[in-house]
Amino acid sequence: MKIERYDMIVIGAGPAGLSAAIEAAKKELKPIVFDENARPGGQLFKQIHKFFGSKEHKAKERGFKIGEELLKEAKEYGVEVILNATVVGLYPEKEITVKVGDSVKHYKGDAVLVATGASENMVNFEGWTKPGVIGAGAAQTMMNLHHIKPGNRILMLGSGNVGLVVSYQLLQAGCEVVALADAAPRVGGYGVHAAKVARCGVPFYLSHTIVRVEGDDYVTGVVIGQVGPDWKIIPGTEKHFDVDTVCLAVGLSPMSQLLKQAEVQMSDTKGGNVPVIDKFGATSVPGIYAAGDVSGIEEASSAMIEGRMSGASIACYLGYMTEEERDARIDELEGQLDTLRQGMFAPKNRGKLVETTEEGIAVSMNLLNKGYVADEEIERFPGVTHQKGIHPVIECTQNIPCNPCQDACKMGCIRIGRNITSLPAIDPDKKCVGCGMCVASCSGQSIFLVEEDVDEGYGEVTMPYEFLPLPKVGDRGIALGRNGKYVCDAEVTKIRTAPVFDHTYLLTIKVPNDMVMKARFYKKEMAKEA
């Protein structure tokens, strides 16, 4: 039996696997990467939103652009990528069997990295197998890879970052998201993600779950109900929605089957069955490593860093780096990873109710319970200020690792400081010139430019806008508040775009002066009578 041999075998061409292969190839290793999909990049090519973090984490870059950069870098360093290749066996001797087409091939590596990622969880309810009940990741694939609308009227179950991000992308695709439900009592993902969904008019139903899906041959409706402390439906709380699609964003499970087959020591955790690994990504079987979601569910930014750590560790294991070189590189990458694991959403805070920010400010309970910061709460955050002339209003109210706005403002108006999780603040001694770079760079779409008295009794609000077709200057419609409800009539006065904005348009609307701190979304509907 013919067995092909490589320095390093990588299973999975997602963010972790590609990053590891590149890191190792830079040290002259010859890695080969296998992936069962028709194109590499894993989840990155479904992610059209901008990433959080700092420059070193690819902040304010869109996921698919990061994927393109990784593929280009992999090609430059001679990384061999085999697609439509399903690894069906992994053995302790670092041998694998791979099904490619109708044939099965055998490979042996001096080291093997498993970066197989995770699969979507499902929940059981009456009608859950009907056509039209899909995972949020499947909806992303349909929209962002194949340009197909998953449905017309959709209910999303799950308020973690996946559920929030995909809900917004469904709206961008022209779908109507009738509601976002979650059995948990609080929004699970970033507040800025929730806020941009809420201001589009999507209602949140926390402490609610699906009772049943209706329809004979396909989904025609869904019934949700409120859950009590025992997680059971409270009779009489049922609510019906006419929908043709139900999306489920109820978590991910590591795809660790190959590691089990290789007799790697595993650990049962709340996040699934994961391999026991050391700081270098090494498992209990010498020469077999794991990185990315297969070793614990996190964001793609973290997976890329973990992949680079494993790539450096494998290079050292195989004699292509000294231990001193490896340790220096690992220390550098651990610093980057530690930055992403700070703030309110740090691993240590999972499942906990964080009631105050790092600055001692009370967290918006309305945001956690309804998806948006109430008007009476927003003023207490340092990015929300009143000034003469045009100035930024930053509605970032949670300690999350992100700072592109600080880098984007060349006038120094925005300050976050050395701690990347600090809430953005406005420097009153610096003058805003209205360039809009902060608005376009914000990964959470939470920055607005506000100016009163642009016209007699009227001011302007400039907001991020990522919907097509674009409104036109002179269009009249309505302004929606943070809760997605009508606040006033509005007129479009300006539309700005530039390559540096990366497809985030700056939409400026004219509203009454007393509404500039409330108008947060524009909808092209008939203006309401006063």
Protein backbone atom coordinates (compact mmCIF):
# COMPACT_ATOMS: atom_id res chain seq x y z
CA MET A 1 0.00 0.00 0.00
CA LYS A 2 1.42 3.36 -1.07
CA ILE A 3 1.73 5.91 1.74
CA GLU A 4 2.70 9.49 0.95
CA ARG A 5 4.73 11.27 3.60
CA TYR A 6 4.73 14.96 4.62
CA ASP A 7 6.39 17.00 7.33
CA MET A 8 3.03 18.25 8.55
CA ILE A 9 -0.54 17.20 7.81
CA VAL A 10 -3.32 19.66 8.55
CA ILE A 11 -6.94 18.48 8.67
CA GLY A 12 -9.19 21.45 7.96
CA ALA A 13 -8.56 24.49 5.73
CA GLY A 14 -10.36 26.97 7.95
CA PRO A 15 -8.82 29.92 9.81
CA ALA A 16 -6.92 27.75 12.30
CA GLY A 17 -5.67 25.16 9.81
CA LEU A 18 -4.51 27.65 7.18
CA SER A 19 -2.85 29.88 9.79
CA ALA A 20 -0.95 26.91 11.21
CA ALA A 21 0.20 25.73 7.79
CA ILE A 22 1.43 29.23 6.88
CA GLU A 23 3.27 29.64 10.18
CA ALA A 24 5.01 26.28 9.70
CA ALA A 25 5.78 26.89 6.02
CA LYS A 26 7.56 30.11 6.95
CA LYS A 27 10.04 27.87 8.80
CA GLU A 28 10.61 25.72 5.66
CA LEU A 29 8.25 22.86 6.57
CA LYS A 30 6.25 21.21 3.78
CA PRO A 31 2.64 21.09 5.03
CA ILE A 32 -0.32 19.59 3.23
CA VAL A 33 -3.88 20.64 4.11
CA PHE A 34 -7.00 18.52 3.54
CA ASP A 35 -10.54 19.88 3.55
CA GLU A 36 -13.82 18.18 2.68
CA ASN A 37 -15.29 21.33 1.13
CA ALA A 38 -15.06 22.59 -2.44
CA ARG A 39 -13.26 25.75 -1.38
CA PRO A 40 -10.89 26.54 1.48
CA GLY A 41 -11.31 29.16 4.16
CA GLY A 42 -13.86 27.49 6.42
CA GLN A 43 -16.37 29.88 7.96
CA LEU A 44 -14.45 32.99 6.88
CA PHE A 45 -16.03 33.17 3.43
CA LYS A 46 -19.51 33.29 4.96
CA GLN A 47 -18.60 36.18 7.23
CA ILE A 48 -19.31 39.49 5.51
CA HIS A 49 -19.21 41.53 8.72
CA LYS A 50 -16.17 43.36 10.06
CA PHE A 51 -14.07 41.72 12.77
CA PHE A 52 -13.47 43.11 16.26
CA GLY A 53 -10.13 43.46 18.04
CA SER A 54 -7.13 45.51 16.97
CA LYS A 55 -4.94 45.65 13.85
CA GLU A 56 -3.09 42.50 14.87
CA HIS A 57 -6.47 40.69 15.04
CA LYS A 58 -7.53 41.92 11.56
CA ALA A 59 -10.01 44.33 13.16
CA LYS A 60 -12.44 46.17 10.84
CA GLU A 61 -11.65 43.69 8.04
CA ARG A 62 -14.48 41.54 6.73
CA GLY A 63 -14.22 37.79 7.21
CA PHE A 64 -14.12 36.87 3.54
CA LYS A 65 -11.34 39.41 2.93
CA ILE A 66 -9.31 37.80 5.71
CA GLY A 67 -9.93 34.43 4.06
CA GLU A 68 -8.62 35.76 0.76
CA GLU A 69 -5.50 37.07 2.50
CA LEU A 70 -4.85 33.69 4.14
CA LEU A 71 -5.22 31.83 0.85
CA LYS A 72 -2.86 34.25 -0.89
CA GLU A 73 -0.29 33.85 1.88
CA ALA A 74 -0.63 30.06 1.83
CA LYS A 75 0.04 30.04 -1.91
CA GLU A 76 3.07 32.30 -1.52
CA TYR A 77 4.62 29.89 0.99
CA GLY A 78 3.88 26.78 -1.06
CA VAL A 79 1.22 25.27 1.19
CA GLU A 80 -0.47 22.42 -0.66
CA VAL A 81 -4.26 22.39 -0.20
CA ILE A 82 -6.35 19.37 -1.27
CA LEU A 83 -10.10 20.06 -1.48
CA ASN A 84 -13.11 17.74 -1.67
CA ALA A 85 -10.98 15.46 0.50
CA THR A 86 -12.65 13.87 3.53
CA VAL A 87 -10.31 12.52 6.20
CA VAL A 88 -12.02 9.35 7.39
CA GLY A 89 -9.29 8.01 9.66
CA LEU A 90 -6.62 9.35 12.03
CA TYR A 91 -4.36 6.96 13.91
CA PRO A 92 -1.87 7.38 16.79
CA GLU A 93 1.01 6.68 14.41
CA LYS A 94 0.13 10.02 12.73
CA GLU A 95 -1.30 8.26 9.70
CA ILE A 96 -4.52 9.32 7.99
CA THR A 97 -6.85 7.86 5.38
CA VAL A 98 -8.47 10.32 3.01
CA LYS A 99 -11.41 9.80 0.65
CA VAL A 100 -10.91 11.80 -2.53
CA GLY A 101 -13.58 11.12 -5.11
CA ASP A 102 -14.01 7.35 -5.33
CA SER A 103 -10.56 6.49 -4.02
CA VAL A 104 -9.06 6.26 -0.54
CA LYS A 105 -5.49 7.43 -0.08
CA HIS A 106 -3.05 7.03 2.80
CA TYR A 107 -0.71 9.66 4.20
CA LYS A 108 1.75 9.81 7.07
CA GLY A 109 2.96 12.97 8.73
CA ASP A 110 5.79 13.71 11.09
CA ALA A 111 3.15 15.82 12.82
CA VAL A 112 -0.62 16.17 12.40
CA LEU A 113 -2.77 19.18 13.26
CA VAL A 114 -6.52 18.65 13.64
CA ALA A 115 -8.42 21.85 12.87
CA THR A 116 -11.80 20.42 11.93
CA GLY A 117 -13.85 23.19 13.53
CA ALA A 118 -17.36 22.73 14.86
CA SER A 119 -20.86 21.78 13.74
CA GLU A 120 -24.17 23.47 14.48
CA ASN A 121 -26.33 22.29 17.35
CA MET A 122 -30.03 21.62 16.92
CA VAL A 123 -32.98 21.59 19.32
CA ASN A 124 -36.01 19.33 19.23
CA PHE A 125 -39.54 20.71 19.03
CA GLU A 126 -42.68 19.70 17.22
CA GLY A 127 -42.00 20.01 13.49
CA TRP A 128 -38.24 20.54 13.80
CA THR A 129 -37.52 18.27 10.81
CA LYS A 130 -39.77 20.15 8.37
CA PRO A 131 -38.21 21.78 5.31
CA GLY A 132 -37.64 25.41 6.25
CA VAL A 133 -36.05 24.72 9.65
CA ILE A 134 -32.34 25.41 9.12
CA GLY A 135 -29.21 26.28 11.05
CA ALA A 136 -28.00 29.87 11.06
CA GLY A 137 -24.74 28.73 9.48
CA ALA A 138 -26.69 27.11 6.65
CA ALA A 139 -28.53 30.39 6.13
CA GLN A 140 -25.17 32.19 5.94
CA THR A 141 -23.95 29.70 3.35
CA MET A 142 -27.05 30.19 1.22
CA MET A 143 -26.84 33.99 1.38
CA ASN A 144 -23.17 34.79 1.33
CA LEU A 145 -21.75 31.96 -0.76
CA HIS A 146 -24.60 31.03 -3.11
CA HIS A 147 -26.56 34.32 -3.09
CA ILE A 148 -29.87 32.60 -2.33
CA LYS A 149 -32.44 33.98 0.11
CA PRO A 150 -33.10 31.36 2.79
CA GLY A 151 -36.70 32.56 3.07
CA ASN A 152 -38.92 35.63 3.08
CA ARG A 153 -40.28 35.74 6.64
CA ILE A 154 -37.91 34.30 9.21
CA LEU A 155 -37.82 33.73 12.96
CA MET A 156 -34.37 33.41 14.56
CA LEU A 157 -33.86 31.30 17.68
CA GLY A 158 -30.69 32.27 19.55
CA SER A 159 -29.27 35.63 20.64
CA GLY A 160 -25.58 34.80 20.74
CA ASN A 161 -23.25 36.49 18.28
CA VAL A 162 -24.11 33.98 15.54
CA GLY A 163 -27.85 34.57 15.90
CA LEU A 164 -27.42 38.35 16.01
CA VAL A 165 -24.98 38.58 13.10
CA VAL A 166 -26.99 36.24 10.87
CA SER A 167 -30.23 38.08 11.71
CA TYR A 168 -28.64 41.30 10.46
CA GLN A 169 -27.33 39.59 7.34
CA LEU A 170 -30.81 38.18 6.66
CA LEU A 171 -32.12 41.75 6.72
CA GLN A 172 -29.33 42.78 4.35
CA ALA A 173 -30.37 39.98 1.99
CA GLY A 174 -33.91 41.36 1.84
CA CYS A 175 -35.54 38.93 4.27
CA GLU A 176 -37.97 40.01 6.97
CA VAL A 177 -36.89 38.85 10.42
CA VAL A 178 -40.19 38.79 12.30
CA ALA A 179 -38.64 38.12 15.72
CA LEU A 180 -35.53 36.98 17.54
CA ALA A 181 -36.20 34.56 20.40
CA ASP A 182 -33.99 32.97 23.03
CA ALA A 183 -34.76 30.75 26.01
CA ALA A 184 -32.11 32.60 28.00
CA PRO A 185 -33.26 35.65 29.98
CA ARG A 186 -30.56 37.91 28.49
CA VAL A 187 -29.02 38.64 25.11
CA GLY A 188 -26.01 36.35 24.78
CA GLY A 189 -23.93 38.19 22.18
CA TYR A 190 -22.36 41.61 21.88
CA GLY A 191 -24.74 44.46 22.64
CA VAL A 192 -23.67 46.37 19.52
CA HIS A 193 -24.76 43.41 17.37
CA ALA A 194 -28.12 43.31 19.16
CA ALA A 195 -28.58 47.09 18.86
CA LYS A 196 -28.13 47.16 15.09
CA VAL A 197 -30.78 44.41 14.73
CA ALA A 198 -33.19 46.12 17.15
CA ARG A 199 -33.04 49.50 15.45
CA CYS A 200 -34.09 47.83 12.20
CA GLY A 201 -37.38 47.00 13.94
CA VAL A 202 -36.80 43.35 14.93
CA PRO A 203 -38.45 42.54 18.29
CA PHE A 204 -36.57 40.44 20.87
CA TYR A 205 -38.33 37.75 22.89
CA LEU A 206 -36.00 36.70 25.68
CA SER A 207 -37.02 33.80 27.96
CA HIS A 208 -38.95 32.41 24.97
CA THR A 209 -38.43 29.27 22.93
CA ILE A 210 -40.16 27.44 20.10
CA VAL A 211 -43.24 25.41 21.00
CA ARG A 212 -43.92 24.06 17.51
CA VAL A 213 -43.48 24.72 13.83
CA GLU A 214 -46.62 24.62 11.70
CA GLY A 215 -47.17 23.40 8.15
CA ASP A 216 -47.87 20.10 6.44
CA ASP A 217 -45.05 19.75 3.92
CA TYR A 218 -43.01 22.83 4.82
CA VAL A 219 -42.92 25.64 7.36
CA THR A 220 -45.89 28.01 7.28
CA GLY A 221 -45.81 29.31 10.85
CA VAL A 222 -44.15 29.06 14.24
CA VAL A 223 -45.39 29.30 17.81
CA ILE A 224 -43.11 30.46 20.62
CA GLY A 225 -43.81 30.54 24.34
CA GLN A 226 -42.30 32.03 27.46
CA VAL A 227 -40.24 29.73 29.65
CA GLY A 228 -40.24 29.79 33.43
CA PRO A 229 -37.37 29.20 35.88
CA ASP A 230 -37.77 25.46 35.24
CA TRP A 231 -37.27 26.06 31.48
CA LYS A 232 -40.78 24.80 30.75
CA ILE A 233 -43.32 26.70 28.65
CA ILE A 234 -45.69 28.83 30.72
CA PRO A 235 -49.26 28.02 29.55
CA GLY A 236 -51.04 30.97 27.97
CA THR A 237 -47.87 32.76 26.82
CA GLU A 238 -47.84 31.33 23.30
CA LYS A 239 -47.31 33.74 20.37
CA HIS A 240 -47.85 32.86 16.70
CA PHE A 241 -45.89 34.17 13.69
CA ASP A 242 -46.51 33.53 10.01
CA VAL A 243 -43.09 32.50 8.67
CA ASP A 244 -41.67 30.32 5.93
CA THR A 245 -38.29 29.75 7.63
CA VAL A 246 -37.02 29.14 11.14
CA CYS A 247 -33.29 29.68 11.78
CA LEU A 248 -31.55 28.04 14.72
CA ALA A 249 -28.46 29.59 16.30
CA VAL A 250 -28.26 27.47 19.43
CA GLY A 251 -24.56 26.88 19.74
CA LEU A 252 -21.78 24.82 18.20
CA SER A 253 -20.15 21.50 19.07
CA PRO A 254 -16.48 20.69 18.38
CA MET A 255 -15.99 18.12 15.61
CA SER A 256 -13.54 16.03 17.60
CA GLN A 257 -14.32 12.54 16.29
CA LEU A 258 -10.94 12.09 14.57
CA LEU A 259 -9.11 12.96 17.77
CA LYS A 260 -11.07 10.32 19.66
CA GLN A 261 -10.20 7.81 16.97
CA ALA A 262 -6.53 8.64 17.44
CA GLU A 263 -6.89 7.78 21.16
CA VAL A 264 -6.21 11.34 22.26
CA GLN A 265 -7.15 12.14 25.85
CA MET A 266 -10.48 14.01 25.81
CA SER A 267 -12.37 16.15 28.29
CA ASP A 268 -16.14 16.66 28.60
CA THR A 269 -16.83 20.37 29.02
CA LYS A 270 -19.87 22.63 28.80
CA GLY A 271 -18.63 23.51 25.33
CA GLY A 272 -18.48 19.89 24.17
CA ASN A 273 -16.03 17.01 24.06
CA VAL A 274 -12.60 18.57 23.47
CA PRO A 275 -9.01 17.29 23.45
CA VAL A 276 -6.77 17.94 26.42
CA ILE A 277 -3.99 20.14 25.05
CA ASP A 278 -1.05 22.06 26.48
CA LYS A 279 -0.08 25.68 25.79
CA PHE A 280 1.49 24.60 22.50
CA GLY A 281 -1.65 22.87 21.21
CA ALA A 282 -0.12 19.42 21.72
CA THR A 283 -2.45 16.54 22.64
CA SER A 284 -1.62 13.50 24.76
CA VAL A 285 -0.45 11.66 21.61
CA PRO A 286 3.04 12.87 20.61
CA GLY A 287 3.00 14.68 17.29
CA ILE A 288 -0.78 15.22 17.17
CA TYR A 289 -1.99 18.78 17.76
CA ALA A 290 -5.35 20.57 17.82
CA ALA A 291 -6.35 24.20 17.23
CA GLY A 292 -9.44 26.31 16.63
CA ASP A 293 -13.01 25.40 17.48
CA VAL A 294 -12.24 21.68 17.74
CA SER A 295 -10.38 22.52 20.97
CA GLY A 296 -13.01 24.95 22.29
CA ILE A 297 -15.53 27.30 20.65
CA GLU A 298 -14.29 30.87 20.18
CA GLU A 299 -14.24 33.55 17.49
CA ALA A 300 -12.38 33.14 14.18
CA SER A 301 -9.81 35.70 15.35
CA SER A 302 -8.87 33.41 18.23
CA ALA A 303 -8.77 30.37 15.93
CA MET A 304 -6.22 32.08 13.66
CA ILE A 305 -3.96 32.89 16.60
CA GLU A 306 -4.27 29.36 18.00
CA GLY A 307 -3.39 28.02 14.56
CA ARG A 308 -0.25 30.13 14.39
CA MET A 309 0.72 28.92 17.86
CA SER A 310 0.33 25.30 16.78
CA GLY A 311 2.28 25.95 13.58
CA ALA A 312 5.20 27.38 15.55
CA SER A 313 5.03 24.53 18.08
CA ILE A 314 5.08 21.89 15.33
CA ALA A 315 8.06 23.62 13.69
CA CYS A 316 9.92 23.32 16.99
CA TYR A 317 8.77 19.73 17.54
CA LEU A 318 10.23 18.78 14.15
CA GLY A 319 13.49 20.67 14.68
CA TYR A 320 12.86 23.69 12.45
CA MET A 321 12.89 26.14 15.38
CA THR A 322 14.76 26.26 18.65
CA GLU A 323 12.78 26.13 21.87
CA GLU A 324 13.86 29.71 22.57
CA GLU A 325 12.48 30.86 19.21
CA ARG A 326 9.27 28.95 19.78
CA ASP A 327 8.76 30.31 23.26
CA ALA A 328 9.29 33.89 22.09
CA ARG A 329 6.74 33.41 19.31
CA ILE A 330 4.24 31.70 21.63
CA ASP A 331 4.58 34.52 24.18
CA GLU A 332 3.85 37.07 21.44
CA LEU A 333 0.79 35.15 20.21
CA GLU A 334 -0.47 34.45 23.73
CA GLY A 335 -0.47 38.19 24.34
CA GLN A 336 -2.65 38.70 21.27
CA LEU A 337 -4.97 35.88 22.34
CA ASP A 338 -5.21 37.14 25.91
CA THR A 339 -6.35 40.54 24.60
CA LEU A 340 -9.33 38.90 22.86
CA ARG A 341 -10.23 37.06 26.07
CA GLN A 342 -10.72 40.18 28.17
CA GLY A 343 -13.77 42.26 28.98
CA MET A 344 -17.38 41.35 29.70
CA PHE A 345 -17.32 38.38 27.36
CA ALA A 346 -14.14 36.82 28.72
CA PRO A 347 -14.30 33.04 29.33
CA LYS A 348 -14.37 33.67 33.09
CA ASN A 349 -17.61 35.66 32.71
CA ARG A 350 -19.57 33.15 30.62
CA GLY A 351 -23.02 32.66 32.07
CA LYS A 352 -22.57 35.48 34.57
CA LEU A 353 -24.60 38.67 34.78
CA VAL A 354 -22.07 41.52 34.59
CA GLU A 355 -23.85 44.52 36.09
CA THR A 356 -21.17 47.23 35.83
CA THR A 357 -18.54 48.13 33.25
CA GLU A 358 -14.82 48.30 34.00
CA GLU A 359 -15.37 52.04 34.48
CA GLY A 360 -18.02 51.44 37.17
CA ILE A 361 -20.99 52.39 34.95
CA ALA A 362 -24.22 50.44 35.32
CA VAL A 363 -24.78 48.12 32.36
CA SER A 364 -27.96 48.74 30.37
CA MET A 365 -30.48 46.17 31.56
CA ASN A 366 -32.73 47.19 28.69
CA LEU A 367 -30.00 46.13 26.28
CA LEU A 368 -29.72 42.72 27.92
CA ASN A 369 -33.49 42.20 28.13
CA LYS A 370 -34.74 43.84 24.92
CA GLY A 371 -31.75 44.24 22.63
CA TYR A 372 -31.32 48.02 22.75
CA VAL A 373 -30.16 50.71 25.17
CA ALA A 374 -33.09 52.82 26.36
CA ASP A 375 -33.01 56.57 25.67
CA GLU A 376 -32.87 57.30 29.40
CA GLU A 377 -29.83 54.98 29.81
CA ILE A 378 -27.66 56.04 26.87
CA GLU A 379 -26.44 59.36 28.33
CA ARG A 380 -24.43 57.69 31.09
CA PHE A 381 -21.85 56.22 28.72
CA PRO A 382 -18.65 58.20 27.98
CA GLY A 383 -18.98 58.10 24.19
CA VAL A 384 -22.33 59.90 24.29
CA THR A 385 -21.72 63.64 24.54
CA HIS A 386 -23.31 66.95 23.54
CA GLN A 387 -21.16 69.51 21.74
CA LYS A 388 -21.55 72.44 19.39
CA GLY A 389 -20.90 71.56 15.78
CA ILE A 390 -20.50 68.10 14.32
CA HIS A 391 -19.23 65.43 16.70
CA PRO A 392 -19.23 61.64 17.16
CA VAL A 393 -21.70 59.88 19.43
CA ILE A 394 -20.43 56.43 20.33
CA GLU A 395 -23.08 54.03 21.60
CA CYS A 396 -20.64 51.29 22.59
CA THR A 397 -21.76 50.34 26.10
CA GLN A 398 -19.97 47.07 26.91
CA ASN A 399 -16.33 46.23 27.51
CA ILE A 400 -15.44 44.30 24.38
CA PRO A 401 -11.95 43.98 22.82
CA CYS A 402 -12.06 46.51 19.98
CA ASN A 403 -10.31 49.79 19.13
CA PRO A 404 -10.45 50.63 15.37
CA CYS A 405 -12.33 53.87 16.09
CA GLN A 406 -9.39 55.25 18.05
CA ASP A 407 -7.00 54.48 15.21
CA ALA A 408 -9.40 55.80 12.57
CA CYS A 409 -9.74 59.28 14.09
CA LYS A 410 -6.77 61.29 12.87
CA MET A 411 -7.92 64.30 14.91
CA GLY A 412 -7.63 62.40 18.19
CA CYS A 413 -11.29 62.94 19.13
CA ILE A 414 -11.77 59.34 20.27
CA ARG A 415 -9.77 57.75 23.02
CA ILE A 416 -9.82 54.21 24.35
CA GLY A 417 -6.38 54.02 25.87
CA ARG A 418 -4.05 51.10 26.37
CA ASN A 419 -6.78 48.76 27.61
CA ILE A 420 -8.51 47.59 24.43
CA THR A 421 -11.72 46.72 26.33
CA SER A 422 -12.22 50.22 27.74
CA LEU A 423 -15.32 52.10 26.66
CA PRO A 424 -14.59 54.70 23.95
CA ALA A 425 -14.65 58.28 25.20
CA ILE A 426 -14.69 61.66 23.46
CA ASP A 427 -11.88 64.18 24.00
CA PRO A 428 -13.69 67.54 24.30
CA ASP A 429 -10.50 69.45 23.47
CA LYS A 430 -10.22 67.89 20.01
CA LYS A 431 -12.28 69.14 17.08
CA CYS A 432 -14.19 66.68 14.89
CA VAL A 433 -14.00 67.48 11.15
CA GLY A 434 -16.85 65.13 10.18
CA CYS A 435 -14.70 62.86 7.99
CA GLY A 436 -16.76 59.82 9.02
CA MET A 437 -13.80 57.47 9.33
CA CYS A 438 -14.87 56.44 12.83
CA VAL A 439 -18.40 55.64 11.60
CA ALA A 440 -17.11 53.46 8.77
CA SER A 441 -14.45 51.70 10.86
CA CYS A 442 -16.70 50.64 13.75
CA SER A 443 -17.17 46.87 13.60
CA GLY A 444 -20.30 47.16 15.74
CA GLN A 445 -21.87 50.00 13.71
CA SER A 446 -22.34 51.94 16.93
CA ILE A 447 -20.88 55.33 15.99
CA PHE A 448 -22.94 58.25 14.66
CA LEU A 449 -22.06 61.82 13.71
CA VAL A 450 -24.49 64.37 15.14
CA GLU A 451 -24.86 68.09 14.44
CA GLU A 452 -27.63 70.41 15.56
CA ASP A 453 -28.82 73.60 13.85
CA VAL A 454 -27.70 72.67 10.36
CA ASP A 455 -30.95 74.26 9.19
CA GLU A 456 -33.44 76.30 11.18
CA GLY A 457 -34.75 73.94 13.85
CA TYR A 458 -33.14 70.92 12.17
CA GLY A 459 -29.97 68.94 12.63
CA GLU A 460 -28.29 66.02 10.89
CA VAL A 461 -27.39 62.48 11.88
CA THR A 462 -24.81 60.48 9.92
CA MET A 463 -25.07 56.74 10.37
CA PRO A 464 -23.46 53.56 8.98
CA TYR A 465 -25.60 52.01 6.26
CA GLU A 466 -25.07 48.60 4.64
CA PHE A 467 -28.31 47.95 2.76
CA LEU A 468 -29.13 47.98 -0.94
CA PRO A 469 -30.60 49.66 -2.86
CA LEU A 470 -29.15 52.85 -1.44
CA PRO A 471 -31.47 55.78 -0.76
CA LYS A 472 -30.92 58.90 -2.86
CA VAL A 473 -30.28 62.44 -1.75
CA GLY A 474 -33.67 64.11 -1.38
CA ASP A 475 -35.51 60.90 -0.49
CA ARG A 476 -37.99 61.31 2.33
CA GLY A 477 -38.80 58.59 4.81
CA ILE A 478 -38.84 57.93 8.52
CA ALA A 479 -36.22 57.76 11.24
CA LEU A 480 -36.35 54.87 13.67
CA GLY A 481 -35.06 54.99 17.23
CA ARG A 482 -32.90 52.51 19.10
CA ASN A 483 -35.99 50.37 19.64
CA GLY A 484 -36.78 50.23 15.93
CA LYS A 485 -39.90 52.38 16.25
CA TYR A 486 -40.83 55.62 14.49
CA VAL A 487 -39.40 58.77 16.03
CA CYS A 488 -39.78 61.37 13.26
CA ASP A 489 -39.87 62.04 9.54
CA ALA A 490 -36.48 62.29 7.85
CA GLU A 491 -34.90 63.51 4.63
CA VAL A 492 -31.70 62.10 3.12
CA THR A 493 -29.22 64.94 2.65
CA LYS A 494 -26.00 63.10 1.89
CA ILE A 495 -24.62 59.67 0.89
CA ARG A 496 -20.89 59.12 1.13
CA THR A 497 -18.73 56.22 0.04
CA ALA A 498 -15.01 55.65 -0.43
CA PRO A 499 -12.75 52.62 -0.90
CA VAL A 500 -11.41 53.12 2.63
CA PHE A 501 -14.97 52.76 4.01
CA ASP A 502 -15.03 49.15 2.70
CA HIS A 503 -18.70 49.08 1.59
CA THR A 504 -20.01 50.85 4.66
CA TYR A 505 -21.93 53.85 3.35
CA LEU A 506 -22.35 57.01 5.39
CA LEU A 507 -26.01 58.02 5.24
CA THR A 508 -26.89 61.50 6.51
CA ILE A 509 -30.49 62.40 7.35
CA LYS A 510 -32.07 65.69 8.43
CA VAL A 511 -34.31 65.51 11.48
CA PRO A 512 -35.63 67.99 14.07
CA ASN A 513 -32.96 69.16 16.55
CA ASP A 514 -34.63 67.35 19.44
CA MET A 515 -34.34 64.05 17.53
CA VAL A 516 -30.65 64.00 16.64
CA MET A 517 -29.88 61.97 19.77
CA LYS A 518 -32.71 59.52 19.05
CA ALA A 519 -32.80 58.91 15.27
CA ARG A 520 -30.62 55.85 14.60
CA PHE A 521 -31.93 54.21 11.41
CA TYR A 522 -33.52 55.37 8.18
CA LYS A 523 -36.36 53.63 6.42
CA LYS A 524 -37.73 54.67 3.06
CA GLU A 525 -41.42 54.78 3.88
CA MET A 526 -44.03 57.43 3.36
CA ALA A 527 -43.42 60.24 5.84
CA LYS A 528 -46.02 60.33 8.58
CA GLU A 529 -48.38 63.24 9.04
CA ALA A 530 -47.47 65.52 11.91
